[in-house]
Amino acid sequence: MNVKIIGVAFYIMLVYGASKHYPAMHGLFFPALGAFSFLFISRPFNAKAMSSISAGAVLATVVGTLIYYLVPGILALFVNTLIIIWLNKVKWNAPPILAVSLIPFFTETPRIWDVPLAVALSLAGLTVTLLAADFVHKLLMVTFRSGSKLAPGSEEAAG
């Protein structure tokens, strides 16, 4: 079993549990978190690329939140979508970025910064989880590779 998959599944479970049991953490769990998780584990591990995509998601959430609070309604959704698709010229190649920019349009929050902060924290936690999974994976590879080889000169002792 892939360590990254187990780590991501565990992380999503923890975030969901925290969001259900602690009202202040409700915003940490959002459907696009699963999409970001799949995106991050389906590519070769690259912390720089994950950070760039996460920053794009937070920026998109800030844009969506500001547009929603300034001009709520259908036109705001249209403008938000155009802006976020235009911002994709940065080559994030991450469709969930548009999805998180839409969160303010269907989630009521008491403070304007709640959604961008929740997205930033969730994606930071996902990145840390994947860094830890990558470390564990490398540790397991080293452990099992070195454990499967016989020590030099051990063939004579065994024979």
C-alpha atoms as a PDB file:
ATOM      1  CA  MET A   1       0.000   0.000   0.000  1.00  0.00           C
ATOM      2  CA  ASN A   2       1.269   3.461  -0.889  1.00  0.00           C
ATOM      3  CA  VAL A   3       2.267   5.505   2.181  1.00  0.00           C
ATOM      4  CA  LYS A   4       1.033   8.743   0.543  1.00  0.00           C
ATOM      5  CA  ILE A   5      -2.443   7.289   0.012  1.00  0.00           C
ATOM      6  CA  ILE A   6      -2.674   6.126   3.611  1.00  0.00           C
ATOM      7  CA  GLY A   7      -1.388   9.501   4.849  1.00  0.00           C
ATOM      8  CA  VAL A   8      -3.896  11.458   2.756  1.00  0.00           C
ATOM      9  CA  ALA A   9      -6.811   9.241   3.785  1.00  0.00           C
ATOM     10  CA  PHE A  10      -5.816   9.621   7.440  1.00  0.00           C
ATOM     11  CA  TYR A  11      -5.457  13.396   7.068  1.00  0.00           C
ATOM     12  CA  ILE A  12      -8.867  13.782   5.410  1.00  0.00           C
ATOM     13  CA  MET A  13     -10.405  11.655   8.173  1.00  0.00           C
ATOM     14  CA  LEU A  14      -8.808  13.844  10.862  1.00  0.00           C
ATOM     15  CA  VAL A  15      -9.864  17.094   9.203  1.00  0.00           C
ATOM     16  CA  TYR A  16     -13.411  15.814   8.773  1.00  0.00           C
ATOM     17  CA  GLY A  17     -13.577  14.694  12.407  1.00  0.00           C
ATOM     18  CA  ALA A  18     -12.235  18.016  13.664  1.00  0.00           C
ATOM     19  CA  SER A  19     -14.674  19.958  11.487  1.00  0.00           C
ATOM     20  CA  LYS A  20     -17.606  17.911  12.806  1.00  0.00           C
ATOM     21  CA  HIS A  21     -16.704  18.079  16.494  1.00  0.00           C
ATOM     22  CA  TYR A  22     -15.347  21.617  16.739  1.00  0.00           C
ATOM     23  CA  PRO A  23     -17.533  24.328  15.149  1.00  0.00           C
ATOM     24  CA  ALA A  24     -14.593  26.736  14.890  1.00  0.00           C
ATOM     25  CA  MET A  25     -12.870  24.221  12.591  1.00  0.00           C
ATOM     26  CA  HIS A  26     -15.874  23.658  10.313  1.00  0.00           C
ATOM     27  CA  GLY A  27     -14.246  25.458   7.380  1.00  0.00           C
ATOM     28  CA  LEU A  28     -11.195  23.192   7.302  1.00  0.00           C
ATOM     29  CA  PHE A  29     -13.124  20.451   5.533  1.00  0.00           C
ATOM     30  CA  PHE A  30     -14.331  21.230   2.012  1.00  0.00           C
ATOM     31  CA  PRO A  31     -14.967  18.924  -0.957  1.00  0.00           C
ATOM     32  CA  ALA A  32     -12.091  20.300  -3.019  1.00  0.00           C
ATOM     33  CA  LEU A  33      -9.675  19.085  -0.318  1.00  0.00           C
ATOM     34  CA  GLY A  34     -10.192  15.595  -1.716  1.00  0.00           C
ATOM     35  CA  ALA A  35      -9.472  16.886  -5.213  1.00  0.00           C
ATOM     36  CA  PHE A  36      -6.273  18.593  -4.045  1.00  0.00           C
ATOM     37  CA  SER A  37      -5.271  15.382  -2.254  1.00  0.00           C
ATOM     38  CA  PHE A  38      -5.748  13.315  -5.386  1.00  0.00           C
ATOM     39  CA  LEU A  39      -3.927  15.936  -7.460  1.00  0.00           C
ATOM     40  CA  PHE A  40      -0.941  15.949  -5.097  1.00  0.00           C
ATOM     41  CA  ILE A  41      -0.594  12.155  -4.818  1.00  0.00           C
ATOM     42  CA  SER A  42      -1.088  11.516  -8.533  1.00  0.00           C
ATOM     43  CA  ARG A  43       1.976  13.559  -9.455  1.00  0.00           C
ATOM     44  CA  PRO A  44       5.621  12.981  -8.606  1.00  0.00           C
ATOM     45  CA  PHE A  45       6.297  14.448  -5.167  1.00  0.00           C
ATOM     46  CA  ASN A  46       7.402  18.064  -5.479  1.00  0.00           C
ATOM     47  CA  ALA A  47       7.024  20.369  -2.470  1.00  0.00           C
ATOM     48  CA  LYS A  48       7.640  23.468  -4.602  1.00  0.00           C
ATOM     49  CA  ALA A  49       4.826  22.623  -7.034  1.00  0.00           C
ATOM     50  CA  MET A  50       2.461  21.741  -4.157  1.00  0.00           C
ATOM     51  CA  SER A  51       3.276  25.040  -2.477  1.00  0.00           C
ATOM     52  CA  SER A  52       2.658  26.942  -5.694  1.00  0.00           C
ATOM     53  CA  ILE A  53      -0.707  25.257  -6.242  1.00  0.00           C
ATOM     54  CA  SER A  54      -1.640  25.834  -2.592  1.00  0.00           C
ATOM     55  CA  ALA A  55      -0.721  29.514  -2.885  1.00  0.00           C
ATOM     56  CA  GLY A  56      -2.855  29.706  -6.035  1.00  0.00           C
ATOM     57  CA  ALA A  57      -5.765  28.142  -4.161  1.00  0.00           C
ATOM     58  CA  VAL A  58      -5.457  30.620  -1.298  1.00  0.00           C
ATOM     59  CA  LEU A  59      -5.218  33.517  -3.772  1.00  0.00           C
ATOM     60  CA  ALA A  60      -8.303  32.225  -5.616  1.00  0.00           C
ATOM     61  CA  THR A  61     -10.173  31.965  -2.327  1.00  0.00           C
ATOM     62  CA  VAL A  62      -9.221  35.526  -1.398  1.00  0.00           C
ATOM     63  CA  VAL A  63     -10.405  36.744  -4.815  1.00  0.00           C
ATOM     64  CA  GLY A  64     -13.660  34.784  -4.568  1.00  0.00           C
ATOM     65  CA  THR A  65     -14.297  36.020  -1.038  1.00  0.00           C
ATOM     66  CA  LEU A  66     -13.636  39.655  -1.883  1.00  0.00           C
ATOM     67  CA  ILE A  67     -15.833  39.530  -4.977  1.00  0.00           C
ATOM     68  CA  TYR A  68     -18.618  37.812  -3.054  1.00  0.00           C
ATOM     69  CA  TYR A  69     -18.532  40.339  -0.216  1.00  0.00           C
ATOM     70  CA  LEU A  70     -18.333  43.329  -2.575  1.00  0.00           C
ATOM     71  CA  VAL A  71     -20.991  42.277  -5.098  1.00  0.00           C
ATOM     72  CA  PRO A  72     -22.916  39.180  -3.961  1.00  0.00           C
ATOM     73  CA  GLY A  73     -24.961  37.496  -6.646  1.00  0.00           C
ATOM     74  CA  ILE A  74     -24.840  35.859 -10.032  1.00  0.00           C
ATOM     75  CA  LEU A  75     -22.678  38.536 -11.652  1.00  0.00           C
ATOM     76  CA  ALA A  76     -20.079  38.116  -8.903  1.00  0.00           C
ATOM     77  CA  LEU A  77     -19.917  34.380  -9.600  1.00  0.00           C
ATOM     78  CA  PHE A  78     -19.416  35.092 -13.317  1.00  0.00           C
ATOM     79  CA  VAL A  79     -16.659  37.641 -12.658  1.00  0.00           C
ATOM     80  CA  ASN A  80     -14.964  35.350 -10.134  1.00  0.00           C
ATOM     81  CA  THR A  81     -14.932  32.471 -12.595  1.00  0.00           C
ATOM     82  CA  LEU A  82     -13.436  34.628 -15.350  1.00  0.00           C
ATOM     83  CA  ILE A  83     -10.725  36.013 -13.073  1.00  0.00           C
ATOM     84  CA  ILE A  84      -9.708  32.613 -11.687  1.00  0.00           C
ATOM     85  CA  ILE A  85      -9.571  31.027 -15.133  1.00  0.00           C
ATOM     86  CA  TRP A  86      -7.494  33.990 -16.328  1.00  0.00           C
ATOM     87  CA  LEU A  87      -5.165  33.574 -13.331  1.00  0.00           C
ATOM     88  CA  ASN A  88      -4.536  30.022 -14.499  1.00  0.00           C
ATOM     89  CA  LYS A  89      -2.097  31.527 -17.003  1.00  0.00           C
ATOM     90  CA  VAL A  90       0.394  30.929 -14.205  1.00  0.00           C
ATOM     91  CA  LYS A  91       0.128  27.262 -15.312  1.00  0.00           C
ATOM     92  CA  TRP A  92      -1.009  25.835 -11.991  1.00  0.00           C
ATOM     93  CA  ASN A  93      -2.917  23.172 -13.959  1.00  0.00           C
ATOM     94  CA  ALA A  94      -5.076  22.562 -10.900  1.00  0.00           C
ATOM     95  CA  PRO A  95      -8.846  22.613 -11.483  1.00  0.00           C
ATOM     96  CA  PRO A  96      -9.593  22.532  -7.721  1.00  0.00           C
ATOM     97  CA  ILE A  97      -8.316  26.129  -7.577  1.00  0.00           C
ATOM     98  CA  LEU A  98     -11.511  27.303  -9.279  1.00  0.00           C
ATOM     99  CA  ALA A  99     -13.544  25.119  -6.925  1.00  0.00           C
ATOM    100  CA  VAL A 100     -12.146  26.730  -3.759  1.00  0.00           C
ATOM    101  CA  SER A 101     -12.777  30.208  -5.162  1.00  0.00           C
ATOM    102  CA  LEU A 102     -16.483  29.303  -5.182  1.00  0.00           C
ATOM    103  CA  ILE A 103     -16.646  28.347  -1.477  1.00  0.00           C
ATOM    104  CA  PRO A 104     -17.760  31.834  -0.334  1.00  0.00           C
ATOM    105  CA  PHE A 105     -20.750  31.601  -2.673  1.00  0.00           C
ATOM    106  CA  PHE A 106     -22.246  28.625  -0.830  1.00  0.00           C
ATOM    107  CA  THR A 107     -20.797  28.897   2.695  1.00  0.00           C
ATOM    108  CA  GLU A 108     -21.854  31.526   5.207  1.00  0.00           C
ATOM    109  CA  THR A 109     -19.029  32.675   7.480  1.00  0.00           C
ATOM    110  CA  PRO A 110     -19.069  35.325  10.195  1.00  0.00           C
ATOM    111  CA  ARG A 111     -15.716  36.818   9.165  1.00  0.00           C
ATOM    112  CA  ILE A 112     -14.412  37.621   5.700  1.00  0.00           C
ATOM    113  CA  TRP A 113     -11.064  35.895   6.280  1.00  0.00           C
ATOM    114  CA  ASP A 114     -12.513  32.561   7.491  1.00  0.00           C
ATOM    115  CA  VAL A 115     -12.610  30.816   4.101  1.00  0.00           C
ATOM    116  CA  PRO A 116      -9.136  31.848   2.865  1.00  0.00           C
ATOM    117  CA  LEU A 117      -7.641  30.999   6.259  1.00  0.00           C
ATOM    118  CA  ALA A 118      -9.366  27.596   6.344  1.00  0.00           C
ATOM    119  CA  VAL A 119      -8.150  26.775   2.820  1.00  0.00           C
ATOM    120  CA  ALA A 120      -4.611  27.873   3.691  1.00  0.00           C
ATOM    121  CA  LEU A 121      -4.547  25.774   6.875  1.00  0.00           C
ATOM    122  CA  SER A 122      -6.080  22.709   5.226  1.00  0.00           C
ATOM    123  CA  LEU A 123      -3.644  22.769   2.312  1.00  0.00           C
ATOM    124  CA  ALA A 124      -0.695  23.445   4.618  1.00  0.00           C
ATOM    125  CA  GLY A 125      -1.722  20.419   6.673  1.00  0.00           C
ATOM    126  CA  LEU A 126      -2.043  18.346   3.506  1.00  0.00           C
ATOM    127  CA  THR A 127       1.424  19.429   2.383  1.00  0.00           C
ATOM    128  CA  VAL A 128       2.943  18.568   5.772  1.00  0.00           C
ATOM    129  CA  THR A 129       1.163  15.213   5.703  1.00  0.00           C
ATOM    130  CA  LEU A 130       2.584  14.442   2.269  1.00  0.00           C
ATOM    131  CA  LEU A 131       6.059  15.550   3.351  1.00  0.00           C
ATOM    132  CA  ALA A 132       5.808  13.175   6.320  1.00  0.00           C
ATOM    133  CA  ALA A 133       4.503  10.372   4.080  1.00  0.00           C
ATOM    134  CA  ASP A 134       7.388  10.920   1.677  1.00  0.00           C
ATOM    135  CA  PHE A 135       9.852  10.758   4.580  1.00  0.00           C
ATOM    136  CA  VAL A 136       8.270   7.545   5.917  1.00  0.00           C
ATOM    137  CA  HIS A 137       8.270   6.035   2.417  1.00  0.00           C
ATOM    138  CA  LYS A 138      11.986   6.785   1.975  1.00  0.00           C
ATOM    139  CA  LEU A 139      12.724   5.457   5.451  1.00  0.00           C
ATOM    140  CA  LEU A 140      10.869   2.224   4.696  1.00  0.00           C
ATOM    141  CA  MET A 141      12.676   1.846   1.377  1.00  0.00           C
ATOM    142  CA  VAL A 142      16.070   2.243   3.051  1.00  0.00           C
ATOM    143  CA  THR A 143      15.117  -0.068   5.907  1.00  0.00           C
ATOM    144  CA  PHE A 144      13.800  -2.873   3.724  1.00  0.00           C
ATOM    145  CA  ARG A 145      16.526  -2.580   1.119  1.00  0.00           C
ATOM    146  CA  SER A 146      19.300  -2.760   3.689  1.00  0.00           C
ATOM    147  CA  GLY A 147      17.500  -5.463   5.674  1.00  0.00           C
ATOM    148  CA  SER A 148      17.130  -7.754   2.677  1.00  0.00           C
ATOM    149  CA  LYS A 149      20.832  -7.871   1.856  1.00  0.00           C
ATOM    150  CA  LEU A 150      23.180 -10.186   3.628  1.00  0.00           C
ATOM    151  CA  ALA A 151      26.094  -8.603   5.371  1.00  0.00           C
ATOM    152  CA  PRO A 152      29.455  -9.031   3.609  1.00  0.00           C
ATOM    153  CA  GLY A 153      30.993 -12.361   4.500  1.00  0.00           C
ATOM    154  CA  SER A 154      27.755 -13.770   5.947  1.00  0.00           C
ATOM    155  CA  GLU A 155      27.451 -16.380   3.188  1.00  0.00           C
ATOM    156  CA  GLU A 156      30.352 -18.312   4.725  1.00  0.00           C
ATOM    157  CA  ALA A 157      28.885 -18.145   8.215  1.00  0.00           C
ATOM    158  CA  ALA A 158      25.508 -19.385   7.008  1.00  0.00           C
ATOM    159  CA  GLY A 159      26.948 -22.248   4.959  1.00  0.00           C
END
